[in-house]
PDB file of N, CA and C in Angstrom:
ATOM      1  N   MET A   1     114.803  84.742  29.760  1.00  0.00           N
ATOM      2  CA  MET A   1     114.042  84.368  28.416  1.00  0.00           C
ATOM      3  C   MET A   1     113.716  83.233  27.948  1.00  0.00           C
ATOM      4  N   THR A   2     112.503  82.947  27.775  1.00  0.00           N
ATOM      5  CA  THR A   2     111.985  81.497  26.950  1.00  0.00           C
ATOM      6  C   THR A   2     112.645  81.353  25.816  1.00  0.00           C
ATOM      7  N   MET A   3     112.516  80.180  25.320  1.00  0.00           N
ATOM      8  CA  MET A   3     112.897  79.484  23.969  1.00  0.00           C
ATOM      9  C   MET A   3     111.950  80.453  22.774  1.00  0.00           C
ATOM     10  N   SER A   4     110.747  80.238  23.097  1.00  0.00           N
ATOM     11  CA  SER A   4     109.965  81.278  22.071  1.00  0.00           C
ATOM     12  C   SER A   4     110.061  82.424  21.846  1.00  0.00           C
ATOM     13  N   LYS A   5     110.556  83.157  22.985  1.00  0.00           N
ATOM     14  CA  LYS A   5     111.098  84.905  22.997  1.00  0.00           C
ATOM     15  C   LYS A   5     112.513  84.845  21.974  1.00  0.00           C
ATOM     16  N   LYS A   6     113.403  83.806  22.369  1.00  0.00           N
ATOM     17  CA  LYS A   6     114.715  83.905  21.970  1.00  0.00           C
ATOM     18  C   LYS A   6     114.229  83.707  20.287  1.00  0.00           C
ATOM     19  N   ILE A   7     113.371  82.770  19.941  1.00  0.00           N
ATOM     20  CA  ILE A   7     113.205  82.644  18.549  1.00  0.00           C
ATOM     21  C   ILE A   7     112.573  83.912  17.992  1.00  0.00           C
ATOM     22  N   ARG A   8     111.524  84.696  18.563  1.00  0.00           N
ATOM     23  CA  ARG A   8     111.184  85.539  17.984  1.00  0.00           C
ATOM     24  C   ARG A   8     112.060  86.758  18.199  1.00  0.00           C
ATOM     25  N   VAL A   9     112.923  86.997  18.523  1.00  0.00           N
ATOM     26  CA  VAL A   9     113.940  88.105  18.944  1.00  0.00           C
ATOM     27  C   VAL A   9     115.030  87.838  17.569  1.00  0.00           C
ATOM     28  N   GLY A  10     115.381  86.547  17.514  1.00  0.00           N
ATOM     29  CA  GLY A  10     116.254  85.944  16.522  1.00  0.00           C
ATOM     30  C   GLY A  10     115.793  86.105  15.029  1.00  0.00           C
ATOM     31  N   LEU A  11     114.464  85.934  15.323  1.00  0.00           N
ATOM     32  CA  LEU A  11     113.755  86.171  13.777  1.00  0.00           C
ATOM     33  C   LEU A  11     113.694  87.516  13.440  1.00  0.00           C
ATOM     34  N   LEU A  12     113.607  88.694  14.326  1.00  0.00           N
ATOM     35  CA  LEU A  12     113.446  89.856  13.979  1.00  0.00           C
ATOM     36  C   LEU A  12     114.730  90.216  13.508  1.00  0.00           C
ATOM     37  N   VAL A  13     116.036  89.873  14.506  1.00  0.00           N
ATOM     38  CA  VAL A  13     117.495  90.265  14.000  1.00  0.00           C
ATOM     39  C   VAL A  13     117.583  90.026  12.491  1.00  0.00           C
ATOM     40  N   VAL A  14     117.485  88.910  12.225  1.00  0.00           N
ATOM     41  CA  VAL A  14     117.786  88.368  10.844  1.00  0.00           C
ATOM     42  C   VAL A  14     116.911  89.101   9.843  1.00  0.00           C
ATOM     43  N   ALA A  15     115.515  89.466  10.034  1.00  0.00           N
ATOM     44  CA  ALA A  15     115.057  90.422   9.428  1.00  0.00           C
ATOM     45  C   ALA A  15     115.321  91.641   8.923  1.00  0.00           C
ATOM     46  N   ALA A  16     115.952  92.153  10.238  1.00  0.00           N
ATOM     47  CA  ALA A  16     116.469  93.420  10.279  1.00  0.00           C
ATOM     48  C   ALA A  16     117.862  93.596   9.563  1.00  0.00           C
ATOM     49  N   CYS A  17     118.557  92.449   9.734  1.00  0.00           N
ATOM     50  CA  CYS A  17     119.752  92.321   9.052  1.00  0.00           C
ATOM     51  C   CYS A  17     119.605  92.042   7.200  1.00  0.00           C
ATOM     52  N   ALA A  18     118.669  91.460   7.171  1.00  0.00           N
ATOM     53  CA  ALA A  18     118.118  91.222   5.484  1.00  0.00           C
ATOM     54  C   ALA A  18     117.767  92.917   5.007  1.00  0.00           C
ATOM     55  N   THR A  19     117.011  93.283   5.537  1.00  0.00           N
ATOM     56  CA  THR A  19     116.532  94.783   5.429  1.00  0.00           C
ATOM     57  C   THR A  19     117.507  95.547   4.999  1.00  0.00           C
ATOM     58  N   GLY A  20     118.348  95.616   6.068  1.00  0.00           N
ATOM     59  CA  GLY A  20     119.626  96.408   5.939  1.00  0.00           C
ATOM     60  C   GLY A  20     120.688  96.186   4.740  1.00  0.00           C
ATOM     61  N   LEU A  21     120.840  94.676   4.458  1.00  0.00           N
ATOM     62  CA  LEU A  21     121.456  94.501   3.173  1.00  0.00           C
ATOM     63  C   LEU A  21     120.736  94.670   1.930  1.00  0.00           C
ATOM     64  N   ALA A  22     119.358  94.687   2.346  1.00  0.00           N
ATOM     65  CA  ALA A  22     118.701  95.054   0.968  1.00  0.00           C
ATOM     66  C   ALA A  22     118.944  96.477   0.690  1.00  0.00           C
ATOM     67  N   TRP A  23     118.600  97.381   1.723  1.00  0.00           N
ATOM     68  CA  TRP A  23     118.761  98.736   1.542  1.00  0.00           C
ATOM     69  C   TRP A  23     120.723  99.162   0.875  1.00  0.00           C
ATOM     70  N   THR A  24     121.444  98.344   1.536  1.00  0.00           N
ATOM     71  CA  THR A  24     122.926  98.190   0.956  1.00  0.00           C
ATOM     72  C   THR A  24     123.009  97.947  -0.502  1.00  0.00           C
ATOM     73  N   GLY A  25     122.398  97.121  -0.876  1.00  0.00           N
ATOM     74  CA  GLY A  25     122.090  96.854  -2.412  1.00  0.00           C
ATOM     75  C   GLY A  25     121.943  97.806  -3.062  1.00  0.00           C
ATOM     76  N   VAL A  26     120.830  98.453  -2.499  1.00  0.00           N
ATOM     77  CA  VAL A  26     120.360  99.742  -3.471  1.00  0.00           C
ATOM     78  C   VAL A  26     121.481 100.955  -3.706  1.00  0.00           C
ATOM     79  N   GLY A  27     121.862 100.916  -2.436  1.00  0.00           N
ATOM     80  CA  GLY A  27     122.930 102.015  -2.472  1.00  0.00           C
ATOM     81  C   GLY A  27     124.257 101.448  -3.409  1.00  0.00           C
ATOM     82  N   ALA A  28     124.490 100.369  -3.379  1.00  0.00           N
ATOM     83  CA  ALA A  28     125.503  99.668  -4.145  1.00  0.00           C
ATOM     84  C   ALA A  28     125.060 100.015  -5.709  1.00  0.00           C
ATOM     85  N   ALA A  29     124.021  99.610  -5.864  1.00  0.00           N
ATOM     86  CA  ALA A  29     123.262  99.661  -7.225  1.00  0.00           C
ATOM     87  C   ALA A  29     123.574 101.198  -7.751  1.00  0.00           C
ATOM     88  N   TYR A  30     123.123 101.993  -6.941  1.00  0.00           N
ATOM     89  CA  TYR A  30     123.150 103.445  -7.428  1.00  0.00           C
ATOM     90  C   TYR A  30     124.641 104.079  -7.644  1.00  0.00           C
ATOM     91  N   PHE A  31     125.569 103.579  -6.545  1.00  0.00           N
ATOM     92  CA  PHE A  31     126.764 104.333  -6.828  1.00  0.00           C
ATOM     93  C   PHE A  31     127.623 103.485  -7.722  1.00  0.00           C
ATOM     94  N   LEU A  32     127.312 102.411  -8.143  1.00  0.00           N
ATOM     95  CA  LEU A  32     128.084 101.780  -9.083  1.00  0.00           C
ATOM     96  C   LEU A  32     127.579 101.683 -10.458  1.00  0.00           C
ATOM     97  N   ASP A  33     126.678 102.506 -10.351  1.00  0.00           N
ATOM     98  CA  ASP A  33     125.922 102.728 -12.260  1.00  0.00           C
ATOM     99  C   ASP A  33     125.491 101.588 -12.660  1.00  0.00           C
ATOM    100  N   ALA A  34     124.776 100.789 -11.734  1.00  0.00           N
ATOM    101  CA  ALA A  34     123.891  99.769 -12.452  1.00  0.00           C
ATOM    102  C   ALA A  34     122.876  99.624 -13.238  1.00  0.00           C
ATOM    103  N   PRO A  35     122.693  98.845 -14.489  1.00  0.00           N
ATOM    104  CA  PRO A  35     121.859  99.283 -15.189  1.00  0.00           C
ATOM    105  C   PRO A  35     120.418  99.356 -14.653  1.00  0.00           C
ATOM    106  N   ARG A  36     119.359 100.174 -15.125  1.00  0.00           N
ATOM    107  CA  ARG A  36     118.159 100.709 -14.574  1.00  0.00           C
ATOM    108  C   ARG A  36     117.501  99.386 -14.031  1.00  0.00           C
ATOM    109  N   ALA A  37     117.381  98.444 -14.667  1.00  0.00           N
ATOM    110  CA  ALA A  37     116.151  97.231 -14.702  1.00  0.00           C
ATOM    111  C   ALA A  37     116.878  96.703 -13.320  1.00  0.00           C
ATOM    112  N   MET A  38     118.415  96.365 -13.168  1.00  0.00           N
ATOM    113  CA  MET A  38     119.055  95.970 -11.654  1.00  0.00           C
ATOM    114  C   MET A  38     118.497  96.946 -10.503  1.00  0.00           C
ATOM    115  N   PHE A  39     118.777  98.416 -10.734  1.00  0.00           N
ATOM    116  CA  PHE A  39     118.342  99.145  -9.721  1.00  0.00           C
ATOM    117  C   PHE A  39     117.104  99.256  -9.324  1.00  0.00           C
ATOM    118  N   VAL A  40     116.239  99.285 -10.126  1.00  0.00           N
ATOM    119  CA  VAL A  40     114.718  98.810 -10.002  1.00  0.00           C
ATOM    120  C   VAL A  40     114.308  97.731  -9.157  1.00  0.00           C
ATOM    121  N   PHE A  41     115.059  96.469  -9.447  1.00  0.00           N
ATOM    122  CA  PHE A  41     115.052  95.542  -8.914  1.00  0.00           C
ATOM    123  C   PHE A  41     115.250  95.484  -7.477  1.00  0.00           C
ATOM    124  N   ALA A  42     116.654  96.083  -7.041  1.00  0.00           N
ATOM    125  CA  ALA A  42     117.144  96.399  -5.597  1.00  0.00           C
ATOM    126  C   ALA A  42     116.076  97.287  -5.354  1.00  0.00           C
ATOM    127  N   VAL A  43     115.546  98.363  -5.558  1.00  0.00           N
ATOM    128  CA  VAL A  43     114.571  99.248  -4.827  1.00  0.00           C
ATOM    129  C   VAL A  43     113.241  98.225  -4.398  1.00  0.00           C
ATOM    130  N   ILE A  44     112.693  97.676  -5.318  1.00  0.00           N
ATOM    131  CA  ILE A  44     111.774  96.597  -5.221  1.00  0.00           C
ATOM    132  C   ILE A  44     111.932  95.670  -4.205  1.00  0.00           C
ATOM    133  N   ALA A  45     113.223  95.004  -4.287  1.00  0.00           N
ATOM    134  CA  ALA A  45     113.423  93.938  -3.184  1.00  0.00           C
ATOM    135  C   ALA A  45     113.798  94.650  -1.713  1.00  0.00           C
ATOM    136  N   ALA A  46     114.051  95.626  -1.710  1.00  0.00           N
ATOM    137  CA  ALA A  46     114.608  96.386  -0.705  1.00  0.00           C
ATOM    138  C   ALA A  46     113.083  96.887  -0.085  1.00  0.00           C
ATOM    139  N   ALA A  47     112.125  97.622  -0.564  1.00  0.00           N
ATOM    140  CA  ALA A  47     110.730  97.768  -0.178  1.00  0.00           C
ATOM    141  C   ALA A  47     110.090  96.674   0.473  1.00  0.00           C
ATOM    142  N   LEU A  48     109.918  95.368  -0.653  1.00  0.00           N
ATOM    143  CA  LEU A  48     109.428  94.428   0.073  1.00  0.00           C
ATOM    144  C   LEU A  48     110.299  93.964   1.466  1.00  0.00           C
ATOM    145  N   ALA A  49     111.494  93.965   1.615  1.00  0.00           N
ATOM    146  CA  ALA A  49     111.936  93.606   3.316  1.00  0.00           C
ATOM    147  C   ALA A  49     111.824  94.355   4.259  1.00  0.00           C
ATOM    148  N   THR A  50     111.598  95.897   3.645  1.00  0.00           N
ATOM    149  CA  THR A  50     111.106  96.511   4.431  1.00  0.00           C
ATOM    150  C   THR A  50     109.540  96.449   4.942  1.00  0.00           C
ATOM    151  N   GLU A  51     108.790  96.159   4.215  1.00  0.00           N
ATOM    152  CA  GLU A  51     107.264  95.831   4.597  1.00  0.00           C
ATOM    153  C   GLU A  51     106.978  94.586   5.267  1.00  0.00           C
ATOM    154  N   ALA A  52     108.284  93.710   4.889  1.00  0.00           N
ATOM    155  CA  ALA A  52     108.362  92.226   5.715  1.00  0.00           C
ATOM    156  C   ALA A  52     108.792  92.541   7.276  1.00  0.00           C
ATOM    157  N   LEU A  53     109.676  93.440   7.631  1.00  0.00           N
ATOM    158  CA  LEU A  53     110.235  93.582   8.748  1.00  0.00           C
ATOM    159  C   LEU A  53     109.037  94.432   9.289  1.00  0.00           C
ATOM    160  N   PHE A  54     108.485  95.299   8.756  1.00  0.00           N
ATOM    161  CA  PHE A  54     107.089  96.098   9.650  1.00  0.00           C
ATOM    162  C   PHE A  54     106.418  94.714  10.067  1.00  0.00           C
ATOM    163  N   TRP A  55     105.598  93.920   9.154  1.00  0.00           N
ATOM    164  CA  TRP A  55     104.754  93.128   9.739  1.00  0.00           C
ATOM    165  C   TRP A  55     105.044  92.007  10.804  1.00  0.00           C
ATOM    166  N   LEU A  56     106.498  91.501  10.273  1.00  0.00           N
ATOM    167  CA  LEU A  56     106.976  90.560  11.542  1.00  0.00           C
ATOM    168  C   LEU A  56     107.153  91.451  13.043  1.00  0.00           C
ATOM    169  N   THR A  57     107.587  92.452  12.668  1.00  0.00           N
ATOM    170  CA  THR A  57     107.434  93.253  13.947  1.00  0.00           C
ATOM    171  C   THR A  57     106.466  93.314  14.881  1.00  0.00           C
ATOM    172  N   MET A  58     105.105  93.648  14.020  1.00  0.00           N
ATOM    173  CA  MET A  58     103.965  93.827  14.262  1.00  0.00           C
ATOM    174  C   MET A  58     103.229  92.604  15.178  1.00  0.00           C
ATOM    175  N   PHE A  59     103.592  91.326  14.386  1.00  0.00           N
ATOM    176  CA  PHE A  59     103.193  90.086  15.092  1.00  0.00           C
ATOM    177  C   PHE A  59     104.044  89.703  16.097  1.00  0.00           C
ATOM    178  N   VAL A  60     105.518  90.117  16.328  1.00  0.00           N
ATOM    179  CA  VAL A  60     106.166  89.642  17.449  1.00  0.00           C
ATOM    180  C   VAL A  60     105.746  90.575  18.793  1.00  0.00           C
ATOM    181  N   LEU A  61     105.680  91.865  18.385  1.00  0.00           N
ATOM    182  CA  LEU A  61     105.242  92.622  19.520  1.00  0.00           C
ATOM    183  C   LEU A  61     103.995  92.809  19.900  1.00  0.00           C
ATOM    184  N   GLY A  62     102.912  92.106  19.038  1.00  0.00           N
ATOM    185  CA  GLY A  62     101.299  92.623  19.098  1.00  0.00           C
ATOM    186  C   GLY A  62     100.754  93.696  18.763  1.00  0.00           C
ATOM    187  N   TRP A  63      99.521  93.747  18.348  1.00  0.00           N
ATOM    188  CA  TRP A  63      98.944  94.592  17.851  1.00  0.00           C
ATOM    189  C   TRP A  63      98.766  95.722  18.725  1.00  0.00           C
ATOM    190  N   THR A  64      98.814  95.460  20.039  1.00  0.00           N
ATOM    191  CA  THR A  64      98.684  96.955  20.916  1.00  0.00           C
ATOM    192  C   THR A  64     100.014  97.888  20.616  1.00  0.00           C
ATOM    193  N   ALA A  65     101.284  97.145  20.398  1.00  0.00           N
ATOM    194  CA  ALA A  65     102.335  97.884  20.111  1.00  0.00           C
ATOM    195  C   ALA A  65     101.954  99.112  19.400  1.00  0.00           C
ATOM    196  N   PHE A  66     100.988  98.531  18.133  1.00  0.00           N
ATOM    197  CA  PHE A  66     100.924  99.530  17.264  1.00  0.00           C
ATOM    198  C   PHE A  66      99.443 100.466  17.132  1.00  0.00           C
ATOM    199  N   ALA A  67      98.575  99.683  18.060  1.00  0.00           N
ATOM    200  CA  ALA A  67      97.562 100.401  18.407  1.00  0.00           C
ATOM    201  C   ALA A  67      97.615 101.480  19.491  1.00  0.00           C
ATOM    202  N   ASN A  68      98.655 101.436  20.294  1.00  0.00           N
ATOM    203  CA  ASN A  68      98.868 102.576  21.113  1.00  0.00           C
ATOM    204  C   ASN A  68     100.342 103.255  21.104  1.00  0.00           C
ATOM    205  N   ARG A  69     100.223 103.451  19.632  1.00  0.00           N
ATOM    206  CA  ARG A  69     101.298 104.119  19.257  1.00  0.00           C
ATOM    207  C   ARG A  69     101.170 105.801  19.376  1.00  0.00           C
ATOM    208  N   HIS A  70      99.909 106.276  19.906  1.00  0.00           N
ATOM    209  CA  HIS A  70      99.776 107.675  20.038  1.00  0.00           C
ATOM    210  C   HIS A  70     100.557 108.174  21.612  1.00  0.00           C
ATOM    211  N   TRP A  71     100.648 106.957  22.474  1.00  0.00           N
ATOM    212  CA  TRP A  71     101.240 107.349  23.472  1.00  0.00           C
ATOM    213  C   TRP A  71     103.078 107.571  23.314  1.00  0.00           C
ATOM    214  N   LEU A  72     103.676 107.017  22.189  1.00  0.00           N
ATOM    215  CA  LEU A  72     105.037 107.156  21.645  1.00  0.00           C
ATOM    216  C   LEU A  72     104.794 108.586  20.885  1.00  0.00           C
ATOM    217  N   ILE A  73     104.073 108.668  20.214  1.00  0.00           N
ATOM    218  CA  ILE A  73     103.857 109.934  19.675  1.00  0.00           C
ATOM    219  C   ILE A  73     103.858 111.404  20.757  1.00  0.00           C
ATOM    220  N   ARG A  74     102.843 110.927  21.900  1.00  0.00           N
ATOM    221  CA  ARG A  74     102.878 112.101  22.821  1.00  0.00           C
ATOM    222  C   ARG A  74     104.394 112.070  23.566  1.00  0.00           C
ATOM    223  N   LEU A  75     104.723 111.150  23.868  1.00  0.00           N
ATOM    224  CA  LEU A  75     106.315 110.985  24.606  1.00  0.00           C
ATOM    225  C   LEU A  75     107.360 111.394  23.827  1.00  0.00           C
ATOM    226  N   LEU A  76     107.327 111.517  22.391  1.00  0.00           N
ATOM    227  CA  LEU A  76     108.265 112.383  21.630  1.00  0.00           C
ATOM    228  C   LEU A  76     108.072 113.656  21.436  1.00  0.00           C
ATOM    229  N   SER A  77     106.697 114.102  21.337  1.00  0.00           N
ATOM    230  CA  SER A  77     106.264 115.661  21.138  1.00  0.00           C
ATOM    231  C   SER A  77     106.370 116.303  22.260  1.00  0.00           C
ATOM    232  N   GLY A  78     106.639 115.954  23.341  1.00  0.00           N
ATOM    233  CA  GLY A  78     106.689 116.808  24.569  1.00  0.00           C
ATOM    234  C   GLY A  78     105.287 116.570  25.194  1.00  0.00           C
ATOM    235  N   GLY A  79     104.411 115.478  25.159  1.00  0.00           N
ATOM    236  CA  GLY A  79     103.336 115.479  25.677  1.00  0.00           C
ATOM    237  C   GLY A  79     102.120 116.259  25.012  1.00  0.00           C
ATOM    238  N   HIS A  80     102.069 116.908  23.860  1.00  0.00           N
ATOM    239  CA  HIS A  80     101.015 117.590  23.319  1.00  0.00           C
ATOM    240  C   HIS A  80     100.773 117.215  21.716  1.00  0.00           C
ATOM    241  N   THR A  81      99.402 117.246  21.606  1.00  0.00           N
ATOM    242  CA  THR A  81      99.571 116.925  20.154  1.00  0.00           C
ATOM    243  C   THR A  81      99.387 117.833  19.048  1.00  0.00           C
ATOM    244  N   ARG A  82      99.270 117.962  18.036  1.00  0.00           N
ATOM    245  CA  ARG A  82      99.148 118.923  16.910  1.00  0.00           C
ATOM    246  C   ARG A  82      97.831 119.833  17.091  1.00  0.00           C
ATOM    247  N   GLY A  83      98.071 121.234  17.432  1.00  0.00           N
ATOM    248  CA  GLY A  83      97.116 121.857  17.520  1.00  0.00           C
ATOM    249  C   GLY A  83      96.709 122.319  19.270  1.00  0.00           C
ATOM    250  N   GLU A  84      97.473 121.570  19.889  1.00  0.00           N
ATOM    251  CA  GLU A  84      97.310 121.777  21.659  1.00  0.00           C
ATOM    252  C   GLU A  84      98.287 123.039  21.900  1.00  0.00           C
ATOM    253  N   THR A  85      98.117 123.813  22.690  1.00  0.00           N
ATOM    254  CA  THR A  85      98.872 124.940  23.173  1.00  0.00           C
ATOM    255  C   THR A  85      99.249 124.400  24.693  1.00  0.00           C
ATOM    256  N   ARG A  86     100.512 124.917  24.738  1.00  0.00           N
ATOM    257  CA  ARG A  86     101.272 124.618  25.969  1.00  0.00           C
ATOM    258  C   ARG A  86     100.522 125.638  27.132  1.00  0.00           C
ATOM    259  N   GLN A  87     100.723 124.929  28.125  1.00  0.00           N
ATOM    260  CA  GLN A  87     100.310 126.057  29.218  1.00  0.00           C
ATOM    261  C   GLN A  87     101.832 126.277  29.981  1.00  0.00           C
ATOM    262  N   ALA A  88     101.620 127.205  30.580  1.00  0.00           N
ATOM    263  CA  ALA A  88     103.010 128.028  31.238  1.00  0.00           C
ATOM    264  C   ALA A  88     102.626 127.452  32.916  1.00  0.00           C
TER     265      ALA A  88
END
């Protein structure tokens, strides 16, 4: 693993942890009955952290990982798309 790849993977791990902590904060604000303004702030911060994680993942994995997502959909759906019938 090259140093550049370690940095990219480390950056993704840090971003994923930050996103997880942000959503944990949303849960804490909800269950601790925080004021509405604080809860809204927590939700906005978590949404922005999730968006940042999405774009950072795209930049690290490259555009082809997102452009070829149909491969993953076909893999998860058993090799067929909506509307296709399975052949016996």
